[in-house]
Amino acid sequence: MPENLVDVLIYLYENYLDGKPYPPKDQVALEEELSQAGFSSTEIDKALRWLDELAAGATQELYRPYARQAMRIYNAAETARLDLEVRSFLLSLEQNGILEPESRELVIDRVLAIDHPLISVEEIKWVVLLVLMSRPGCEVAFSRMEEMIYSTEPTFH
């Protein structure tokens, strides 16, 4: 049985957010469907709250503009949850033009909102995809990320 927030997000993306039929307009009906799919009410609530917070963050200018050549320094709390492989992957996404600094910061914010002690590269990929989908002007980067997720070829990092 799937039991984490990222599983709920992946389910929602694959069933509703990638251009397929819209989810039920009634949140109770959506929660019931997710429950029938095997998700706990706790994880459903967390996922829906996470998506609401993503939508709020995607439309706000939460971060000041960054110089393109600026380097991101992670604090102790971030490095405790984002291991070297994940941080390297984020850097490679930025270097390859998939993430720009503002989207990277939103990704980090949304990843830290997931209550896992350590986030995997696979989970990061889904968070990046959802962040890019929510940000206007990131359509090309979104397509590249979606291709990366569904590709059988190894990704860079």
Protein backbone atom coordinates (compact mmCIF):
# COMPACT_ATOMS: atom_id res chain seq x y z
CA MET A 1 0.00 0.00 0.00
CA PRO A 2 1.46 3.41 -0.96
CA GLU A 3 2.03 5.41 2.20
CA ASN A 4 3.86 8.64 1.58
CA LEU A 5 3.12 12.12 0.41
CA VAL A 6 5.21 11.77 -2.76
CA ASP A 7 3.20 8.69 -3.76
CA VAL A 8 0.00 10.73 -3.47
CA LEU A 9 1.55 13.54 -5.55
CA ILE A 10 2.66 11.08 -8.23
CA TYR A 11 -0.82 9.54 -8.31
CA LEU A 12 -2.44 12.98 -8.69
CA TYR A 13 0.00 13.98 -11.42
CA GLU A 14 -0.38 10.79 -13.42
CA ASN A 15 -4.18 10.74 -13.10
CA TYR A 16 -5.11 14.42 -13.34
CA LEU A 17 -2.35 16.96 -13.67
CA ASP A 18 -0.74 15.91 -16.95
CA GLY A 19 -3.66 16.88 -19.16
CA LYS A 20 -6.01 14.02 -18.41
CA PRO A 21 -9.53 14.57 -17.03
CA TYR A 22 -9.86 17.02 -14.19
CA PRO A 23 -10.06 15.73 -10.64
CA PRO A 24 -13.46 15.78 -8.96
CA LYS A 25 -14.44 19.37 -8.16
CA ASP A 26 -15.61 18.29 -4.75
CA GLN A 27 -12.61 17.84 -2.45
CA VAL A 28 -14.49 15.18 -0.47
CA ALA A 29 -14.92 13.12 -3.67
CA LEU A 30 -11.22 13.51 -4.47
CA GLU A 31 -10.24 12.47 -0.95
CA GLU A 32 -12.56 9.45 -1.26
CA GLU A 33 -10.97 8.44 -4.56
CA LEU A 34 -7.48 8.75 -3.08
CA SER A 35 -8.57 6.73 -0.09
CA GLN A 36 -9.92 4.01 -2.39
CA ALA A 37 -6.56 4.05 -4.20
CA GLY A 38 -4.97 3.02 -0.90
CA PHE A 39 -3.72 6.29 0.56
CA SER A 40 -4.22 7.14 4.23
CA SER A 41 -6.22 10.23 5.16
CA THR A 42 -3.10 11.68 6.80
CA GLU A 43 -1.07 11.43 3.59
CA ILE A 44 -3.98 12.74 1.50
CA ASP A 45 -4.30 15.80 3.75
CA LYS A 46 -0.55 16.40 3.63
CA ALA A 47 -0.47 16.12 -0.17
CA LEU A 48 -3.39 18.49 -0.71
CA ARG A 49 -1.89 21.01 1.72
CA TRP A 50 1.50 20.62 -0.04
CA LEU A 51 -0.12 21.38 -3.41
CA ASP A 52 -1.93 24.43 -1.98
CA GLU A 53 1.38 25.73 -0.61
CA LEU A 54 3.06 25.06 -3.97
CA ALA A 55 0.37 27.05 -5.77
CA ALA A 56 0.82 29.94 -3.33
CA GLY A 57 4.61 29.85 -3.66
CA ALA A 58 4.58 29.60 -7.45
CA THR A 59 2.67 32.85 -7.87
CA GLN A 60 4.58 34.89 -5.33
CA GLU A 61 7.99 36.42 -5.63
CA LEU A 62 9.32 34.83 -2.46
CA TYR A 63 12.96 35.11 -3.39
CA ARG A 64 15.03 38.04 -4.43
CA PRO A 65 16.63 37.87 -7.86
CA TYR A 66 19.87 35.89 -8.03
CA ALA A 67 22.86 36.50 -10.21
CA ARG A 68 23.18 33.59 -12.65
CA GLN A 69 26.74 32.89 -11.49
CA ALA A 70 25.82 32.88 -7.78
CA MET A 71 26.48 29.68 -5.84
CA ARG A 72 23.86 28.13 -3.57
CA ILE A 73 25.15 27.35 -0.09
CA TYR A 74 23.01 24.88 1.85
CA ASN A 75 22.54 25.31 5.59
CA ALA A 76 22.88 22.48 8.13
CA ALA A 77 19.15 21.68 8.18
CA GLU A 78 19.09 21.45 4.40
CA THR A 79 22.19 19.25 4.16
CA ALA A 80 20.73 16.93 6.80
CA ARG A 81 17.75 16.24 4.51
CA LEU A 82 19.31 16.72 1.08
CA ASP A 83 22.34 14.48 0.69
CA LEU A 84 25.23 15.18 -1.68
CA GLU A 85 23.62 13.19 -4.50
CA VAL A 86 20.42 15.28 -4.30
CA ARG A 87 22.30 18.57 -4.07
CA SER A 88 24.47 17.55 -7.04
CA PHE A 89 21.37 16.63 -9.01
CA LEU A 90 19.80 20.04 -8.31
CA LEU A 91 23.02 21.73 -9.43
CA SER A 92 23.07 19.68 -12.63
CA LEU A 93 19.46 20.66 -13.36
CA GLU A 94 20.44 24.28 -12.96
CA GLN A 95 23.56 23.93 -15.10
CA ASN A 96 21.52 22.22 -17.83
CA GLY A 97 18.92 24.99 -17.93
CA ILE A 98 16.05 23.05 -16.39
CA LEU A 99 15.98 25.00 -13.12
CA GLU A 100 16.61 28.67 -12.72
CA PRO A 101 17.52 29.97 -9.24
CA GLU A 102 13.98 30.99 -8.28
CA SER A 103 12.53 27.59 -9.21
CA ARG A 104 15.40 25.87 -7.40
CA GLU A 105 14.49 27.71 -4.22
CA LEU A 106 10.84 26.74 -4.58
CA VAL A 107 11.93 23.12 -5.12
CA ILE A 108 14.04 23.22 -1.95
CA ASP A 109 11.15 24.78 -0.01
CA ARG A 110 8.70 22.10 -1.22
CA VAL A 111 11.16 19.25 -0.63
CA LEU A 112 11.76 20.36 2.94
CA ALA A 113 7.98 20.41 3.44
CA ILE A 114 7.95 16.64 2.85
CA ASP A 115 8.31 14.87 6.16
CA HIS A 116 10.91 12.31 5.09
CA PRO A 117 14.19 12.38 6.98
CA LEU A 118 16.16 12.02 3.73
CA ILE A 119 14.89 12.87 0.25
CA SER A 120 15.89 10.68 -2.72
CA VAL A 121 16.78 11.81 -6.24
CA GLU A 122 13.66 10.06 -7.53
CA GLU A 123 11.48 12.09 -5.14
CA ILE A 124 13.32 15.28 -6.10
CA LYS A 125 12.55 14.64 -9.77
CA TRP A 126 8.81 14.60 -9.04
CA VAL A 127 8.99 17.73 -6.90
CA VAL A 128 10.92 19.53 -9.67
CA LEU A 129 8.30 18.45 -12.20
CA LEU A 130 5.43 19.74 -10.06
CA VAL A 131 7.23 23.02 -9.34
CA LEU A 132 7.98 23.61 -13.03
CA MET A 133 4.39 22.78 -13.94
CA SER A 134 3.18 25.43 -11.51
CA ARG A 135 5.48 28.22 -12.70
CA PRO A 136 4.54 30.34 -15.71
CA GLY A 137 7.22 30.44 -18.40
CA CYS A 138 8.76 27.08 -17.47
CA GLU A 139 6.99 25.00 -20.11
CA VAL A 140 10.17 23.93 -21.95
CA ALA A 141 11.94 23.03 -18.70
CA PHE A 142 8.81 21.15 -17.59
CA SER A 143 8.81 19.11 -20.81
CA ARG A 144 12.49 18.28 -20.40
CA MET A 145 11.92 17.20 -16.80
CA GLU A 146 8.91 15.09 -17.70
CA GLU A 147 10.97 13.43 -20.42
CA MET A 148 13.70 12.74 -17.87
CA ILE A 149 11.27 11.12 -15.43
CA TYR A 150 9.72 8.82 -17.99
CA SER A 151 12.91 8.05 -19.92
CA THR A 152 14.63 4.72 -19.61
CA GLU A 153 17.95 6.45 -20.24
CA PRO A 154 20.04 7.35 -17.18
CA THR A 155 19.82 10.97 -16.10
CA PHE A 156 22.74 13.27 -15.58
CA HIS A 157 24.14 14.07 -12.13
